[in-house]
Protein backbone atom coordinates (compact mmCIF):
# COMPACT_ATOMS: atom_id res chain seq x y z
CA MET A 1 92.26 123.46 126.71
CA TYR A 2 92.90 123.72 122.12
CA THR A 3 94.45 126.92 121.46
CA ALA A 4 93.06 128.05 117.84
CA PRO A 5 96.23 126.53 116.16
CA ALA A 6 96.37 122.91 118.30
CA LEU A 7 92.25 122.76 116.70
CA LEU A 8 93.70 124.03 113.29
CA ILE A 9 95.79 121.25 113.24
CA LEU A 10 93.76 118.42 115.25
CA LEU A 11 91.00 119.43 112.34
CA ALA A 12 93.02 119.31 109.08
CA ALA A 13 94.35 115.88 110.34
CA THR A 14 91.25 114.38 110.54
CA THR A 15 89.84 115.03 107.81
CA ILE A 16 91.73 115.59 104.65
CA PRO A 17 91.47 111.83 102.77
CA ALA A 18 94.49 110.02 102.34
CA GLY A 19 94.21 110.57 98.49
CA SER A 20 95.05 113.85 98.57
CA GLN A 21 98.09 113.35 100.67
CA GLU A 22 100.03 112.10 97.49
CA ARG A 23 103.97 112.50 97.32
CA VAL A 24 106.29 110.74 95.94
CA ASN A 25 109.10 108.69 99.18
CA PRO A 26 111.61 107.22 97.71
CA SER A 27 112.28 105.30 101.64
CA GLY A 28 108.35 104.18 101.13
CA LEU A 29 109.19 102.93 97.49
CA ALA A 30 112.62 100.83 98.99
CA ARG A 31 110.42 99.45 101.67
CA ALA A 32 107.41 98.43 99.36
CA ASP A 33 107.20 94.95 98.86
CA LEU A 34 105.57 95.70 95.39
CA VAL A 35 104.46 98.22 93.74
CA VAL A 36 102.21 98.11 91.24
CA VAL A 37 99.90 100.13 88.94
CA GLY A 38 96.40 99.12 89.36
CA THR A 39 92.41 99.19 90.11
CA LEU A 40 90.55 99.01 93.88
CA HIS A 41 87.90 97.37 94.22
CA ARG A 42 85.97 97.11 97.41
CA ASP A 43 84.49 93.42 98.02
CA PHE A 44 83.21 93.41 101.28
CA LYS A 45 82.94 95.30 104.54
CA PHE A 46 82.39 93.92 108.58
CA PRO A 47 82.48 95.63 111.50
CA TRP A 48 84.88 94.40 114.28
CA LEU A 49 86.45 96.08 117.46
CA ASP A 50 88.62 98.34 115.48
CA GLY A 51 86.45 100.04 113.48
CA TRP A 52 85.46 99.03 109.95
CA ASN A 53 87.32 96.81 108.73
CA GLU A 54 87.53 96.78 104.45
CA ARG A 55 88.26 93.99 102.23
CA GLY A 56 89.23 93.93 98.09
CA HIS A 57 91.39 93.04 95.39
CA ILE A 58 93.52 95.13 92.88
CA GLN A 59 93.42 94.58 89.61
CA VAL A 60 97.18 95.17 88.53
CA GLU A 61 97.79 96.42 85.37
CA ARG A 62 101.29 96.69 85.42
CA VAL A 63 103.76 95.00 87.46
CA LEU A 64 107.09 98.04 88.60
CA LYS A 65 108.56 96.08 91.49
CA GLY A 66 107.67 92.93 92.89
CA ASN A 67 106.03 89.93 91.82
CA SER A 68 102.77 89.77 90.57
CA GLN A 69 101.85 89.69 87.03
CA SER A 70 99.15 92.27 84.90
CA GLY A 71 95.88 91.14 85.03
CA GLN A 72 96.25 89.52 88.58
CA ASN A 73 93.64 90.20 92.02
CA LEU A 74 96.32 91.09 94.58
CA PRO A 75 93.94 90.52 98.12
CA PHE A 76 93.76 94.02 99.73
CA ALA A 77 92.41 94.89 103.16
CA TRP A 78 92.20 97.91 105.06
CA ALA A 79 90.39 98.95 108.70
CA ARG A 80 89.06 102.46 109.21
CA ASP A 81 86.99 104.16 112.21
CA PHE A 82 83.40 104.17 112.82
CA ARG A 83 83.38 107.87 113.31
CA GLN A 84 82.61 109.30 110.13
CA GLY A 85 86.13 111.55 108.44
CA TRP A 86 87.90 110.17 110.38
CA SER A 87 91.24 109.64 109.59
CA LEU A 88 93.86 110.39 112.03
CA THR A 89 95.13 107.45 112.62
CA ARG A 90 93.91 104.97 109.80
CA PRO A 91 93.77 106.20 105.57
CA ASP A 92 89.96 105.07 104.36
CA TRP A 93 90.51 103.43 100.57
CA ARG A 94 86.90 104.04 99.85
CA GLY A 95 87.79 106.93 97.69
CA GLN A 96 90.46 105.31 95.55
CA ALA A 97 87.79 102.52 94.94
CA GLY A 98 87.34 102.22 91.12
CA ARG A 99 90.97 104.56 91.04
CA ARG A 100 93.19 103.89 88.92
CA GLY A 101 96.79 104.56 90.32
CA ILE A 102 99.96 103.58 91.51
CA TRP A 103 99.78 101.51 94.80
CA LEU A 104 102.97 101.08 97.19
CA LEU A 105 101.60 97.56 99.17
CA SER A 106 103.42 95.26 101.75
CA ARG A 107 102.20 91.59 102.25
CA GLU A 108 100.45 91.09 105.76
CA GLY A 109 99.96 87.28 105.86
CA GLY A 110 97.72 86.33 102.44
CA ARG A 111 96.52 90.54 101.74
CA TYR A 112 98.30 93.22 101.53
CA ARG A 113 97.70 96.59 102.46
CA ALA A 114 99.39 100.41 101.48
CA ASN A 115 102.89 100.16 102.57
CA ASP A 116 103.04 103.85 104.28
CA LEU A 117 99.63 105.00 106.48
CA PHE A 118 98.83 107.91 104.14
CA GLY A 119 101.24 107.80 101.21
CA GLY A 120 100.11 103.48 99.78
CA PHE A 121 98.87 105.69 96.10
CA LEU A 122 99.87 107.65 94.13
CA GLY A 123 98.03 109.30 90.78
CA GLU A 124 98.93 107.33 87.56
CA SER A 125 98.87 110.39 85.27
CA GLU A 126 101.27 112.86 88.31
CA TYR A 127 103.97 110.47 89.51
CA LEU A 128 104.34 107.62 86.88
CA PRO A 129 108.03 109.48 85.70
CA GLU A 130 108.79 110.12 88.79
CA VAL A 131 107.89 106.60 90.92
CA LEU A 132 109.87 104.96 87.26
CA ARG A 133 113.12 107.38 87.94
CA ILE A 134 113.60 106.46 91.13
CA LEU A 135 113.04 103.00 91.03
CA ALA A 136 115.51 102.92 88.17
CA ASP A 137 118.17 104.93 90.43
CA ASP A 138 117.25 102.09 93.18
CA ALA A 139 118.32 98.97 90.38
CA ARG A 140 121.28 100.80 89.54
CA ARG A 141 122.40 101.20 93.06
C-alpha cells in the first residue's frame, strides 16, 4: 500500500512535463557533445515495443558548443511511453516542438538525443546568459 506522501511524489514525477524541469546543470553542459539554440520540429512517429518512437530535427540558429552550423537541421530522436502523461523514465519532447530554446545534445549514431533525461532543453530568454557564462568559465579552465 502506498502512503499519501509516496503517492504525491509518484503523481508529481509522472505528470510534470519535461519543459517545466528546466535548470542549468554545469556538469550537463560539460558532458554535452553539442549545445545549440534552435527549434525542434516533429517529423514522424511510429509505435514500437518500448512505446512511441518519435523523430524530428532541431533547426540550429546558433552554436554555443561543439561542431555544427547555423541553419543546419540536426536529426533528433526520442521515445515516449504509450500511456498518456507518463514521464517518469522518458521525457515527452512534443511540448517543446516549435519552441526556440537551448538544446544540450549527445550524439547517438546518426542522430542526437537530449543529453540528460530531463535536462536537455532550456528556455533561451531565461537561461542564455547563465549558459554562456558557464561555457566561458569551462573554456578558460
